[in-house]
Each structure stands twice: as structure tokens, then as C-alpha cells.
Amino acid sequence: MSRAAGSGTSPYAEVEARLQEEFAGVHSATTVTRCVEAAHYGALEVTGSAHPDLVERIARKHLHVLALVASERG
């Protein structure tokens, strides 16, 4: 994922932190990061931009779907 110029941190660090807190006990931090990265690239591919709000909404949906699949598997 691209980094903010000169900052060394992800422009989606706050998004990741919120989602990690929201999905604690459901998904690992690694899974959350991967969903945020997938959402970032998906948004770029489909809309040509990846505003953090859009990335967060897409990643949250990914995480909900993954949680549903995991619960169905038992």
C-alpha cells in the first residue's frame, strides 16, 4: 500500500486502527490490514481514487463477510 509522502506511515493507519478495534476477537490485525489493502486497490481499480472513508467502508464489508463465512464453518 502506498505511504504518505515522508511520513513512513500508511494513509490508512487510522482506518486500520478503528477496524482492528471493531473486529478484535473476530479477526487478527493481519487480516484487517489485508482487507484494508484489498479495499484500497479495489477502490483505485473501480473508481480511480481511494479516499480513506471509501476504503474503510469496503474493508468493513470484507471483514463482515469473512466473519459470516467463519461462523458458518463452525
N, C-alpha and C. Protein backbone atom coordinates (compact mmCIF):
# COMPACT_ATOMS: atom_id res chain seq x y z
N MET A 1 0.85 -1.16 0.00
CA MET A 1 0.00 0.00 0.00
C MET A 1 0.89 1.22 0.00
N SER A 2 0.45 2.28 -0.63
CA SER A 2 1.28 3.48 -0.70
C SER A 2 1.36 4.15 0.66
N ARG A 3 2.44 4.83 0.89
CA ARG A 3 2.68 5.53 2.15
C ARG A 3 2.54 7.03 1.92
N ALA A 4 2.14 7.73 2.93
CA ALA A 4 2.09 9.19 2.84
C ALA A 4 3.51 9.71 2.64
N ALA A 5 3.66 10.68 1.78
CA ALA A 5 4.99 11.18 1.44
C ALA A 5 5.72 11.66 2.68
N GLY A 6 6.88 11.05 2.94
CA GLY A 6 7.74 11.47 4.02
C GLY A 6 7.32 11.04 5.41
N SER A 7 6.13 10.46 5.57
CA SER A 7 5.67 10.16 6.92
C SER A 7 6.07 8.77 7.39
N GLY A 8 6.24 7.84 6.46
CA GLY A 8 6.60 6.48 6.84
C GLY A 8 5.42 5.68 7.39
N THR A 9 4.24 6.30 7.44
CA THR A 9 3.07 5.58 7.91
C THR A 9 2.03 5.50 6.81
N SER A 10 1.17 4.51 6.94
CA SER A 10 0.11 4.31 5.96
C SER A 10 -0.92 5.43 6.06
N PRO A 11 -1.43 5.90 4.93
CA PRO A 11 -2.50 6.89 4.99
C PRO A 11 -3.79 6.28 5.56
N TYR A 12 -3.78 4.96 5.72
CA TYR A 12 -4.95 4.26 6.24
C TYR A 12 -4.72 3.72 7.65
N ALA A 13 -3.70 4.22 8.33
CA ALA A 13 -3.39 3.74 9.69
C ALA A 13 -4.57 3.93 10.63
N GLU A 14 -5.25 5.07 10.54
CA GLU A 14 -6.42 5.31 11.40
C GLU A 14 -7.55 4.36 11.06
N VAL A 15 -7.74 4.10 9.78
CA VAL A 15 -8.77 3.14 9.33
C VAL A 15 -8.46 1.77 9.91
N GLU A 16 -7.22 1.34 9.77
CA GLU A 16 -6.80 0.03 10.30
C GLU A 16 -7.02 -0.04 11.80
N ALA A 17 -6.65 1.01 12.51
CA ALA A 17 -6.81 1.02 13.97
C ALA A 17 -8.27 0.90 14.37
N ARG A 18 -9.15 1.65 13.70
CA ARG A 18 -10.58 1.56 14.01
C ARG A 18 -11.12 0.16 13.75
N LEU A 19 -10.75 -0.40 12.59
CA LEU A 19 -11.27 -1.72 12.24
C LEU A 19 -10.67 -2.81 13.12
N GLN A 20 -9.41 -2.67 13.51
CA GLN A 20 -8.81 -3.65 14.42
C GLN A 20 -9.54 -3.65 15.76
N GLU A 21 -9.90 -2.48 16.23
CA GLU A 21 -10.65 -2.39 17.48
C GLU A 21 -12.06 -2.97 17.31
N GLU A 22 -12.70 -2.62 16.21
CA GLU A 22 -14.07 -3.09 15.96
C GLU A 22 -14.14 -4.61 15.82
N PHE A 23 -13.13 -5.20 15.20
CA PHE A 23 -13.15 -6.63 14.92
C PHE A 23 -12.21 -7.43 15.83
N ALA A 24 -11.78 -6.83 16.93
CA ALA A 24 -10.94 -7.55 17.90
C ALA A 24 -11.69 -8.79 18.37
N GLY A 25 -10.99 -9.90 18.43
CA GLY A 25 -11.62 -11.15 18.83
C GLY A 25 -12.30 -11.88 17.69
N VAL A 26 -12.41 -11.21 16.56
CA VAL A 26 -13.01 -11.83 15.37
C VAL A 26 -11.94 -12.07 14.31
N HIS A 27 -11.13 -11.05 14.05
CA HIS A 27 -10.08 -11.12 13.04
C HIS A 27 -8.76 -10.64 13.62
N SER A 28 -7.68 -11.20 13.14
CA SER A 28 -6.35 -10.75 13.56
C SER A 28 -6.04 -9.40 12.92
N ALA A 29 -5.06 -8.72 13.48
CA ALA A 29 -4.61 -7.44 12.91
C ALA A 29 -4.13 -7.63 11.48
N THR A 30 -3.51 -8.77 11.21
CA THR A 30 -3.02 -9.06 9.85
C THR A 30 -4.18 -9.15 8.86
N THR A 31 -5.25 -9.80 9.27
CA THR A 31 -6.43 -9.92 8.39
C THR A 31 -7.03 -8.55 8.12
N VAL A 32 -7.11 -7.72 9.15
CA VAL A 32 -7.65 -6.37 8.97
C VAL A 32 -6.78 -5.60 7.99
N THR A 33 -5.47 -5.66 8.16
CA THR A 33 -4.56 -4.95 7.25
C THR A 33 -4.74 -5.44 5.82
N ARG A 34 -4.83 -6.74 5.64
CA ARG A 34 -5.02 -7.28 4.29
C ARG A 34 -6.33 -6.81 3.67
N CYS A 35 -7.39 -6.72 4.46
CA CYS A 35 -8.67 -6.23 3.94
C CYS A 35 -8.59 -4.76 3.57
N VAL A 36 -7.89 -3.97 4.37
CA VAL A 36 -7.72 -2.55 4.06
C VAL A 36 -6.92 -2.40 2.77
N GLU A 37 -5.86 -3.20 2.63
CA GLU A 37 -5.07 -3.14 1.39
C GLU A 37 -5.90 -3.55 0.18
N ALA A 38 -6.68 -4.61 0.32
CA ALA A 38 -7.53 -5.06 -0.79
C ALA A 38 -8.57 -3.99 -1.14
N ALA A 39 -9.13 -3.36 -0.12
CA ALA A 39 -10.11 -2.30 -0.34
C ALA A 39 -9.47 -1.11 -1.05
N HIS A 40 -8.26 -0.78 -0.65
CA HIS A 40 -7.52 0.32 -1.28
C HIS A 40 -7.34 0.07 -2.78
N TYR A 41 -6.81 -1.10 -3.10
CA TYR A 41 -6.58 -1.42 -4.51
C TYR A 41 -7.87 -1.58 -5.29
N GLY A 42 -8.89 -2.15 -4.66
CA GLY A 42 -10.19 -2.29 -5.32
C GLY A 42 -10.81 -0.94 -5.64
N ALA A 43 -10.75 -0.03 -4.68
CA ALA A 43 -11.29 1.31 -4.90
C ALA A 43 -10.56 2.02 -6.03
N LEU A 44 -9.23 1.90 -6.03
CA LEU A 44 -8.45 2.52 -7.12
C LEU A 44 -8.85 1.95 -8.47
N GLU A 45 -8.99 0.65 -8.52
CA GLU A 45 -9.32 -0.02 -9.79
C GLU A 45 -10.70 0.38 -10.31
N VAL A 46 -11.66 0.45 -9.42
CA VAL A 46 -13.05 0.69 -9.83
C VAL A 46 -13.36 2.17 -9.99
N THR A 47 -12.90 3.00 -9.04
CA THR A 47 -13.29 4.41 -9.07
C THR A 47 -12.16 5.35 -9.46
N GLY A 48 -10.92 4.87 -9.43
CA GLY A 48 -9.79 5.72 -9.76
C GLY A 48 -9.26 6.50 -8.59
N SER A 49 -9.90 6.38 -7.43
CA SER A 49 -9.40 7.03 -6.22
C SER A 49 -9.66 6.12 -5.02
N ALA A 50 -9.02 6.43 -3.92
CA ALA A 50 -9.16 5.58 -2.73
C ALA A 50 -9.18 6.45 -1.48
N HIS A 51 -10.23 7.25 -1.35
CA HIS A 51 -10.39 8.08 -0.17
C HIS A 51 -10.52 7.17 1.06
N PRO A 52 -9.91 7.54 2.17
CA PRO A 52 -9.96 6.69 3.36
C PRO A 52 -11.38 6.27 3.79
N ASP A 53 -12.37 7.15 3.64
CA ASP A 53 -13.74 6.78 4.01
C ASP A 53 -14.26 5.64 3.15
N LEU A 54 -13.98 5.70 1.86
CA LEU A 54 -14.40 4.64 0.95
C LEU A 54 -13.66 3.35 1.27
N VAL A 55 -12.37 3.44 1.48
CA VAL A 55 -11.57 2.26 1.81
C VAL A 55 -12.10 1.62 3.10
N GLU A 56 -12.43 2.44 4.08
CA GLU A 56 -12.95 1.90 5.35
C GLU A 56 -14.27 1.17 5.14
N ARG A 57 -15.17 1.76 4.37
CA ARG A 57 -16.47 1.09 4.12
C ARG A 57 -16.29 -0.24 3.41
N ILE A 58 -15.43 -0.27 2.40
CA ILE A 58 -15.20 -1.51 1.66
C ILE A 58 -14.55 -2.55 2.56
N ALA A 59 -13.52 -2.17 3.31
CA ALA A 59 -12.82 -3.11 4.19
C ALA A 59 -13.77 -3.65 5.26
N ARG A 60 -14.62 -2.80 5.82
CA ARG A 60 -15.58 -3.25 6.83
C ARG A 60 -16.51 -4.32 6.25
N LYS A 61 -16.96 -4.11 5.03
CA LYS A 61 -17.82 -5.12 4.39
C LYS A 61 -17.05 -6.43 4.19
N HIS A 62 -15.81 -6.35 3.75
CA HIS A 62 -14.98 -7.56 3.62
C HIS A 62 -14.90 -8.30 4.94
N LEU A 63 -14.64 -7.57 6.01
CA LEU A 63 -14.46 -8.18 7.33
C LEU A 63 -15.77 -8.81 7.82
N HIS A 64 -16.89 -8.16 7.55
CA HIS A 64 -18.19 -8.75 7.92
C HIS A 64 -18.43 -10.06 7.17
N VAL A 65 -18.12 -10.06 5.89
CA VAL A 65 -18.30 -11.28 5.08
C VAL A 65 -17.40 -12.39 5.59
N LEU A 66 -16.14 -12.08 5.87
CA LEU A 66 -15.23 -13.10 6.40
C LEU A 66 -15.73 -13.64 7.73
N ALA A 67 -16.26 -12.79 8.58
CA ALA A 67 -16.79 -13.25 9.88
C ALA A 67 -17.99 -14.16 9.67
N LEU A 68 -18.84 -13.83 8.71
CA LEU A 68 -20.00 -14.67 8.41
C LEU A 68 -19.56 -16.04 7.92
N VAL A 69 -18.61 -16.07 7.01
CA VAL A 69 -18.10 -17.35 6.49
C VAL A 69 -17.50 -18.19 7.62
N ALA A 70 -16.72 -17.54 8.48
CA ALA A 70 -16.10 -18.26 9.60
C ALA A 70 -17.16 -18.83 10.54
N SER A 71 -18.23 -18.08 10.77
CA SER A 71 -19.27 -18.57 11.68
C SER A 71 -20.05 -19.72 11.07
N GLU A 72 -20.19 -19.73 9.76
CA GLU A 72 -20.90 -20.82 9.09
C GLU A 72 -20.09 -22.09 9.08
N ARG A 73 -18.78 -21.97 9.09
CA ARG A 73 -17.90 -23.14 9.11
C ARG A 73 -17.89 -23.81 10.49
N GLY A 74 -18.23 -23.02 11.50
CA GLY A 74 -18.30 -23.56 12.87
C GLY A 74 -17.06 -23.56 13.56
